[in-house]
Amino acid sequence: MKTRLLELVESQGITLETASTRSGLDRSYLRKMLDRPGASPRGETLQKIAAGLGVSATWLLTGDESTKHNEVRPAFTTLPERGSMPNDVPVLGTAAGSHLRGAFQLSADPVDYVRRPPALSGAKDIYALFVEGTSMEPQYNPGDLVYIHPHKPPRFGDAVIIQCSNGTEGEMEATIGILAKRTAEAITIRKHNPAAEIQIKRSTILEVHKVLTLNELFGI
C-alpha cells in the first residue's frame, strides 16, 4: 500500500505534507507513517486519505484497479426528515478560518438558529458557528456551518474552536483549527491553507471546544 500511496502522491504533483492536510490529518502524518516499518492507516484514517486523494480505500489496500474510483457504499443509517429536527441550535457568530485575528466575532446572543441533528437530541449547550476565511480549506470552507459541543473533551488532532477575549469587556473572538499542542503557557492549533501552526496564549483563552464530525452529528 505504501508504494501505491507514494506513486499516487507523486502523480498528483503534491507533497506528502499537502496530501496529509488534504485528508484532514496532521501535516506530518503520512511522512511519519511511511517511515515506520509495518505501519499503515486503518478505519476512518484510511477513508480520510482515500477521500483526500480522490481514490477508494479498497484500491489503496489491494491495488485492484477496478475499484480505484467510484467506491460508494450506503451508510447504515436513515437520515431524518428535516421537519423532525428541532430548529433550536443557536448560531453565535463566526469562527476565523484565517491566520489573522480581528475578522471573527462570537456573540453572546444568537444571530440565528439551525436544525439540531439527531445524535444531539439530548445534548446541552450545543452551538454553531459559520466559518470565515480560507485557512482551513479543504476541511472547512468559507460559509461552512460547524456544530460545537462544549462538554465533549477534544483530543489532539480534533478540530476545535478556541474562544478568546479581545480585550474589550464582554466581547469574545473565536478561531477554528486542529488541536496540536498544549503547554502551561499556550495552546497551539494547526491551519491548513497555507500550512501553519498558530500559538495562542492561555492568558487570552476563555474556552476550548470540540467541533463535531459528521459521524458524531448523525450517530453513525
C-alpha atoms as a PDB file:
ATOM      1  CA  MET A   1       0.000   0.000   0.000  1.00  0.00           C
ATOM      2  CA  LYS A   2       2.847   2.391   0.769  1.00  0.00           C
ATOM      3  CA  THR A   3       4.149   2.114  -2.795  1.00  0.00           C
ATOM      4  CA  ARG A   4       0.712   2.909  -4.236  1.00  0.00           C
ATOM      5  CA  LEU A   5       0.355   5.850  -1.887  1.00  0.00           C
ATOM      6  CA  LEU A   6       3.736   7.293  -2.841  1.00  0.00           C
ATOM      7  CA  GLU A   7       3.057   6.848  -6.566  1.00  0.00           C
ATOM      8  CA  LEU A   8      -0.360   8.491  -6.214  1.00  0.00           C
ATOM      9  CA  VAL A   9       1.058  11.498  -4.369  1.00  0.00           C
ATOM     10  CA  GLU A  10       3.831  11.858  -6.969  1.00  0.00           C
ATOM     11  CA  SER A  11       1.370  11.575  -9.874  1.00  0.00           C
ATOM     12  CA  GLN A  12      -0.685  14.427  -8.399  1.00  0.00           C
ATOM     13  CA  GLY A  13       2.401  16.623  -8.111  1.00  0.00           C
ATOM     14  CA  ILE A  14       1.954  17.272  -4.406  1.00  0.00           C
ATOM     15  CA  THR A  15       4.000  16.666  -1.269  1.00  0.00           C
ATOM     16  CA  LEU A  16       3.228  14.209   1.497  1.00  0.00           C
ATOM     17  CA  GLU A  17       2.501  17.187   3.727  1.00  0.00           C
ATOM     18  CA  THR A  18      -0.083  18.527   1.259  1.00  0.00           C
ATOM     19  CA  ALA A  19      -1.630  15.069   0.919  1.00  0.00           C
ATOM     20  CA  SER A  20      -1.933  14.850   4.699  1.00  0.00           C
ATOM     21  CA  THR A  21      -3.657  18.215   5.067  1.00  0.00           C
ATOM     22  CA  ARG A  22      -5.987  17.465   2.146  1.00  0.00           C
ATOM     23  CA  SER A  23      -7.017  14.388   4.099  1.00  0.00           C
ATOM     24  CA  GLY A  24      -7.729  16.386   7.245  1.00  0.00           C
ATOM     25  CA  LEU A  25      -4.766  14.851   9.082  1.00  0.00           C
ATOM     26  CA  ASP A  26      -1.712  16.176  10.860  1.00  0.00           C
ATOM     27  CA  ARG A  27       0.628  17.717   8.282  1.00  0.00           C
ATOM     28  CA  SER A  28       3.369  15.206   9.103  1.00  0.00           C
ATOM     29  CA  TYR A  29       1.107  12.132   9.352  1.00  0.00           C
ATOM     30  CA  LEU A  30       1.878  10.460   6.012  1.00  0.00           C
ATOM     31  CA  ARG A  31       5.618  11.083   6.154  1.00  0.00           C
ATOM     32  CA  LYS A  32       5.843   9.651   9.667  1.00  0.00           C
ATOM     33  CA  MET A  33       3.626   6.701   8.749  1.00  0.00           C
ATOM     34  CA  LEU A  34       5.725   5.858   5.677  1.00  0.00           C
ATOM     35  CA  ASP A  35       8.895   5.997   7.759  1.00  0.00           C
ATOM     36  CA  ARG A  36       7.614   3.351  10.191  1.00  0.00           C
ATOM     37  CA  PRO A  37       8.067  -0.269   9.017  1.00  0.00           C
ATOM     38  CA  GLY A  38       4.785  -2.152   9.025  1.00  0.00           C
ATOM     39  CA  ALA A  39       2.683   0.933   9.771  1.00  0.00           C
ATOM     40  CA  SER A  40      -0.452   1.525   7.731  1.00  0.00           C
ATOM     41  CA  PRO A  41      -3.666   3.528   8.197  1.00  0.00           C
ATOM     42  CA  ARG A  42      -6.874   1.803   9.185  1.00  0.00           C
ATOM     43  CA  GLY A  43     -10.544   2.600   9.548  1.00  0.00           C
ATOM     44  CA  GLU A  44     -11.548   6.250   9.489  1.00  0.00           C
ATOM     45  CA  THR A  45      -7.970   7.399   8.813  1.00  0.00           C
ATOM     46  CA  LEU A  46      -7.776   5.224   5.692  1.00  0.00           C
ATOM     47  CA  GLN A  47     -11.102   6.627   4.492  1.00  0.00           C
ATOM     48  CA  LYS A  48      -9.860  10.188   5.031  1.00  0.00           C
ATOM     49  CA  ILE A  49      -6.694   9.564   2.992  1.00  0.00           C
ATOM     50  CA  ALA A  50      -8.656   7.935   0.181  1.00  0.00           C
ATOM     51  CA  ALA A  51     -11.154  10.818   0.051  1.00  0.00           C
ATOM     52  CA  GLY A  52      -8.396  13.415   0.217  1.00  0.00           C
ATOM     53  CA  LEU A  53      -6.571  11.866  -2.752  1.00  0.00           C
ATOM     54  CA  GLY A  54      -9.654  11.022  -4.803  1.00  0.00           C
ATOM     55  CA  VAL A  55      -9.412   7.236  -4.782  1.00  0.00           C
ATOM     56  CA  SER A  56     -11.144   4.384  -2.980  1.00  0.00           C
ATOM     57  CA  ALA A  57      -9.946   2.869   0.259  1.00  0.00           C
ATOM     58  CA  THR A  58     -10.214  -0.575  -1.329  1.00  0.00           C
ATOM     59  CA  TRP A  59      -7.754   0.386  -4.055  1.00  0.00           C
ATOM     60  CA  LEU A  60      -5.294   1.759  -1.527  1.00  0.00           C
ATOM     61  CA  LEU A  61      -5.426  -1.521   0.380  1.00  0.00           C
ATOM     62  CA  THR A  62      -5.483  -4.027  -2.504  1.00  0.00           C
ATOM     63  CA  GLY A  63      -4.339  -2.276  -5.691  1.00  0.00           C
ATOM     64  CA  ASP A  64      -7.372  -3.651  -7.569  1.00  0.00           C
ATOM     65  CA  GLU A  65      -7.715  -1.183 -10.445  1.00  0.00           C
ATOM     66  CA  SER A  66     -11.412  -1.980 -10.894  1.00  0.00           C
ATOM     67  CA  THR A  67     -12.069  -0.404  -7.506  1.00  0.00           C
ATOM     68  CA  LYS A  68      -9.799   2.645  -7.798  1.00  0.00           C
ATOM     69  CA  HIS A  69     -12.638   5.123  -8.254  1.00  0.00           C
ATOM     70  CA  ASN A  70     -16.358   5.469  -7.579  1.00  0.00           C
ATOM     71  CA  GLU A  71     -16.442   3.378  -4.452  1.00  0.00           C
ATOM     72  CA  VAL A  72     -19.776   4.317  -2.949  1.00  0.00           C
ATOM     73  CA  ARG A  73     -21.250   2.359  -0.080  1.00  0.00           C
ATOM     74  CA  PRO A  74     -24.615   3.079   1.526  1.00  0.00           C
ATOM     75  CA  ALA A  75     -24.457   4.319   5.084  1.00  0.00           C
ATOM     76  CA  PHE A  76     -26.167   2.101   7.608  1.00  0.00           C
ATOM     77  CA  THR A  77     -28.424   4.841   8.837  1.00  0.00           C
ATOM     78  CA  THR A  78     -31.672   6.523   7.926  1.00  0.00           C
ATOM     79  CA  LEU A  79     -31.455  10.289   7.758  1.00  0.00           C
ATOM     80  CA  PRO A  80     -34.340  12.042   9.483  1.00  0.00           C
ATOM     81  CA  GLU A  81     -36.764  14.299   7.720  1.00  0.00           C
ATOM     82  CA  ARG A  82     -35.835  17.968   8.005  1.00  0.00           C
ATOM     83  CA  GLY A  83     -39.043  18.856   9.806  1.00  0.00           C
ATOM     84  CA  SER A  84     -38.379  16.277  12.519  1.00  0.00           C
ATOM     85  CA  MET A  85     -35.228  18.083  13.685  1.00  0.00           C
ATOM     86  CA  PRO A  86     -35.970  20.975  16.051  1.00  0.00           C
ATOM     87  CA  ASN A  87     -34.693  24.364  14.955  1.00  0.00           C
ATOM     88  CA  ASP A  88     -33.129  25.207  18.310  1.00  0.00           C
ATOM     89  CA  VAL A  89     -29.319  25.232  17.982  1.00  0.00           C
ATOM     90  CA  PRO A  90     -28.085  28.821  18.357  1.00  0.00           C
ATOM     91  CA  VAL A  91     -25.621  30.258  15.844  1.00  0.00           C
ATOM     92  CA  LEU A  92     -23.341  32.523  17.853  1.00  0.00           C
ATOM     93  CA  GLY A  93     -21.486  34.238  15.019  1.00  0.00           C
ATOM     94  CA  THR A  94     -18.410  33.329  13.016  1.00  0.00           C
ATOM     95  CA  ALA A  95     -15.134  31.491  13.617  1.00  0.00           C
ATOM     96  CA  ALA A  96     -11.972  32.571  11.839  1.00  0.00           C
ATOM     97  CA  GLY A  97     -10.700  30.267   9.143  1.00  0.00           C
ATOM     98  CA  SER A  98      -7.803  32.718   8.761  1.00  0.00           C
ATOM     99  CA  HIS A  99      -4.348  33.196  10.206  1.00  0.00           C
ATOM    100  CA  LEU A 100      -5.038  36.689  11.477  1.00  0.00           C
ATOM    101  CA  ARG A 101      -7.253  37.922  14.283  1.00  0.00           C
ATOM    102  CA  GLY A 102      -9.966  40.522  14.075  1.00  0.00           C
ATOM    103  CA  ALA A 103     -12.300  39.210  11.376  1.00  0.00           C
ATOM    104  CA  PHE A 104     -14.291  36.907  13.593  1.00  0.00           C
ATOM    105  CA  GLN A 105     -16.708  37.502  16.413  1.00  0.00           C
ATOM    106  CA  LEU A 106     -18.556  35.374  18.904  1.00  0.00           C
ATOM    107  CA  SER A 107     -21.824  36.852  20.044  1.00  0.00           C
ATOM    108  CA  ALA A 108     -23.410  36.366  23.450  1.00  0.00           C
ATOM    109  CA  ASP A 109     -26.796  36.460  21.721  1.00  0.00           C
ATOM    110  CA  PRO A 110     -27.701  34.102  18.849  1.00  0.00           C
ATOM    111  CA  VAL A 111     -27.598  35.563  15.348  1.00  0.00           C
ATOM    112  CA  ASP A 112     -29.695  32.659  14.043  1.00  0.00           C
ATOM    113  CA  TYR A 113     -30.965  29.172  14.872  1.00  0.00           C
ATOM    114  CA  VAL A 114     -30.325  25.954  12.929  1.00  0.00           C
ATOM    115  CA  ARG A 115     -31.635  22.386  12.993  1.00  0.00           C
ATOM    116  CA  ARG A 116     -30.489  20.023  15.724  1.00  0.00           C
ATOM    117  CA  PRO A 117     -29.010  16.792  14.269  1.00  0.00           C
ATOM    118  CA  PRO A 118     -30.495  13.555  15.660  1.00  0.00           C
ATOM    119  CA  ALA A 119     -27.453  12.431  17.657  1.00  0.00           C
ATOM    120  CA  LEU A 120     -27.574  15.700  19.619  1.00  0.00           C
ATOM    121  CA  SER A 121     -31.183  15.403  20.753  1.00  0.00           C
ATOM    122  CA  GLY A 122     -30.250  15.330  24.432  1.00  0.00           C
ATOM    123  CA  ALA A 123     -27.025  17.319  24.333  1.00  0.00           C
ATOM    124  CA  LYS A 124     -26.841  20.517  26.373  1.00  0.00           C
ATOM    125  CA  ASP A 125     -25.297  23.847  25.362  1.00  0.00           C
ATOM    126  CA  ILE A 126     -24.613  22.841  21.733  1.00  0.00           C
ATOM    127  CA  TYR A 127     -23.986  25.844  19.484  1.00  0.00           C
ATOM    128  CA  ALA A 128     -22.963  26.537  15.888  1.00  0.00           C
ATOM    129  CA  LEU A 129     -20.711  28.968  14.032  1.00  0.00           C
ATOM    130  CA  PHE A 130     -20.084  29.934  10.421  1.00  0.00           C
ATOM    131  CA  VAL A 131     -16.500  29.647   9.181  1.00  0.00           C
ATOM    132  CA  GLU A 132     -14.849  32.787   7.815  1.00  0.00           C
ATOM    133  CA  GLY A 133     -11.707  32.795   5.666  1.00  0.00           C
ATOM    134  CA  THR A 134      -9.866  30.073   3.791  1.00  0.00           C
ATOM    135  CA  SER A 135      -7.099  28.873   6.099  1.00  0.00           C
ATOM    136  CA  MET A 136      -8.938  25.641   6.978  1.00  0.00           C
ATOM    137  CA  GLU A 137      -9.628  24.596   3.384  1.00  0.00           C
ATOM    138  CA  PRO A 138     -10.240  21.913   2.217  1.00  0.00           C
ATOM    139  CA  GLN A 139     -11.524  20.635   5.561  1.00  0.00           C
ATOM    140  CA  TYR A 140     -13.716  23.708   6.149  1.00  0.00           C
ATOM    141  CA  ASN A 141     -14.649  26.289   3.530  1.00  0.00           C
ATOM    142  CA  PRO A 142     -15.889  29.869   3.979  1.00  0.00           C
ATOM    143  CA  GLY A 143     -19.557  29.803   4.943  1.00  0.00           C
ATOM    144  CA  ASP A 144     -19.492  26.238   6.286  1.00  0.00           C
ATOM    145  CA  LEU A 145     -21.613  25.710   9.374  1.00  0.00           C
ATOM    146  CA  VAL A 146     -19.909  23.837  12.225  1.00  0.00           C
ATOM    147  CA  TYR A 147     -21.519  22.416  15.346  1.00  0.00           C
ATOM    148  CA  ILE A 148     -19.651  22.675  18.631  1.00  0.00           C
ATOM    149  CA  HIS A 149     -20.019  20.566  21.783  1.00  0.00           C
ATOM    150  CA  PRO A 150     -18.677  22.439  24.838  1.00  0.00           C
ATOM    151  CA  HIS A 151     -18.792  19.368  27.084  1.00  0.00           C
ATOM    152  CA  LYS A 152     -17.015  16.835  24.836  1.00  0.00           C
ATOM    153  CA  PRO A 153     -13.273  16.943  25.613  1.00  0.00           C
ATOM    154  CA  PRO A 154     -11.194  17.499  22.467  1.00  0.00           C
ATOM    155  CA  ARG A 155      -8.244  15.258  21.670  1.00  0.00           C
ATOM    156  CA  PHE A 156      -5.084  16.075  19.767  1.00  0.00           C
ATOM    157  CA  GLY A 157      -5.957  16.033  16.061  1.00  0.00           C
ATOM    158  CA  ASP A 158      -9.556  17.161  16.631  1.00  0.00           C
ATOM    159  CA  ALA A 159     -10.901  20.369  15.126  1.00  0.00           C
ATOM    160  CA  VAL A 160     -11.548  22.866  17.892  1.00  0.00           C
ATOM    161  CA  ILE A 161     -12.995  26.304  18.471  1.00  0.00           C
ATOM    162  CA  ILE A 162     -10.887  28.494  20.732  1.00  0.00           C
ATOM    163  CA  GLN A 163     -12.758  31.347  22.353  1.00  0.00           C
ATOM    164  CA  CYS A 164     -10.579  34.314  23.292  1.00  0.00           C
ATOM    165  CA  SER A 165     -11.046  37.654  24.953  1.00  0.00           C
ATOM    166  CA  ASN A 166     -10.341  40.509  22.532  1.00  0.00           C
ATOM    167  CA  GLY A 167      -9.502  42.961  25.294  1.00  0.00           C
ATOM    168  CA  THR A 168     -12.925  44.596  25.368  1.00  0.00           C
ATOM    169  CA  GLU A 169     -15.087  43.754  28.346  1.00  0.00           C
ATOM    170  CA  GLY A 170     -17.779  41.252  27.451  1.00  0.00           C
ATOM    171  CA  GLU A 171     -16.610  40.695  23.855  1.00  0.00           C
ATOM    172  CA  MET A 172     -15.141  37.446  22.540  1.00  0.00           C
ATOM    173  CA  GLU A 173     -13.457  36.139  19.417  1.00  0.00           C
ATOM    174  CA  ALA A 174     -13.341  32.596  18.098  1.00  0.00           C
ATOM    175  CA  THR A 175     -10.933  30.797  15.802  1.00  0.00           C
ATOM    176  CA  ILE A 176     -11.010  27.287  14.361  1.00  0.00           C
ATOM    177  CA  GLY A 177      -8.058  24.941  13.970  1.00  0.00           C
ATOM    178  CA  ILE A 178      -6.670  21.480  14.649  1.00  0.00           C
ATOM    179  CA  LEU A 179      -5.557  20.940  18.228  1.00  0.00           C
ATOM    180  CA  ALA A 180      -1.813  20.286  18.059  1.00  0.00           C
ATOM    181  CA  LYS A 181      -0.170  21.097  21.395  1.00  0.00           C
ATOM    182  CA  ARG A 182      -0.895  22.224  24.939  1.00  0.00           C
ATOM    183  CA  THR A 183       1.561  23.795  27.362  1.00  0.00           C
ATOM    184  CA  ALA A 184       1.129  25.756  30.570  1.00  0.00           C
ATOM    185  CA  GLU A 185       1.571  28.990  28.629  1.00  0.00           C
ATOM    186  CA  ALA A 186      -0.199  28.396  25.301  1.00  0.00           C
ATOM    187  CA  ILE A 187      -2.310  26.185  23.069  1.00  0.00           C
ATOM    188  CA  THR A 188      -1.157  25.526  19.507  1.00  0.00           C
ATOM    189  CA  ILE A 189      -3.551  24.871  16.617  1.00  0.00           C
ATOM    190  CA  ARG A 190      -2.806  23.992  13.006  1.00  0.00           C
ATOM    191  CA  LYS A 191      -4.167  25.715   9.930  1.00  0.00           C
ATOM    192  CA  HIS A 192      -4.215  24.041   6.506  1.00  0.00           C
ATOM    193  CA  ASN A 193      -4.038  26.772   3.880  1.00  0.00           C
ATOM    194  CA  PRO A 194      -1.207  27.646   3.971  1.00  0.00           C
ATOM    195  CA  ALA A 195       0.030  25.099   6.476  1.00  0.00           C
ATOM    196  CA  ALA A 196       0.942  26.856   9.708  1.00  0.00           C
ATOM    197  CA  GLU A 197       0.885  26.473  13.467  1.00  0.00           C
ATOM    198  CA  ILE A 198      -0.730  29.266  15.469  1.00  0.00           C
ATOM    199  CA  GLN A 199       0.125  29.682  19.138  1.00  0.00           C
ATOM    200  CA  ILE A 200      -2.495  31.286  21.359  1.00  0.00           C
ATOM    201  CA  LYS A 201      -1.559  32.428  24.860  1.00  0.00           C
ATOM    202  CA  ARG A 202      -3.590  30.813  27.616  1.00  0.00           C
ATOM    203  CA  SER A 203      -3.958  34.209  29.276  1.00  0.00           C
ATOM    204  CA  THR A 204      -6.306  35.228  26.427  1.00  0.00           C
ATOM    205  CA  ILE A 205      -8.170  31.906  26.141  1.00  0.00           C
ATOM    206  CA  LEU A 206     -11.649  31.596  27.634  1.00  0.00           C
ATOM    207  CA  GLU A 207     -12.722  28.175  26.326  1.00  0.00           C
ATOM    208  CA  VAL A 208     -11.577  25.354  24.015  1.00  0.00           C
ATOM    209  CA  HIS A 209     -14.478  23.406  22.484  1.00  0.00           C
ATOM    210  CA  LYS A 210     -14.620  20.412  20.155  1.00  0.00           C
ATOM    211  CA  VAL A 211     -16.045  20.722  16.621  1.00  0.00           C
ATOM    212  CA  LEU A 212     -18.259  17.720  15.951  1.00  0.00           C
ATOM    213  CA  THR A 213     -17.668  15.417  12.980  1.00  0.00           C
ATOM    214  CA  LEU A 214     -20.452  14.233  10.661  1.00  0.00           C
ATOM    215  CA  ASN A 215     -20.360  10.825  12.345  1.00  0.00           C
ATOM    216  CA  GLU A 216     -20.904  12.485  15.717  1.00  0.00           C
ATOM    217  CA  LEU A 217     -23.711  14.658  14.348  1.00  0.00           C
ATOM    218  CA  PHE A 218     -25.680  11.756  12.915  1.00  0.00           C
ATOM    219  CA  GLY A 219     -24.679   8.965  15.282  1.00  0.00           C
ATOM    220  CA  ILE A 220     -23.077   6.823  12.582  1.00  0.00           C
END
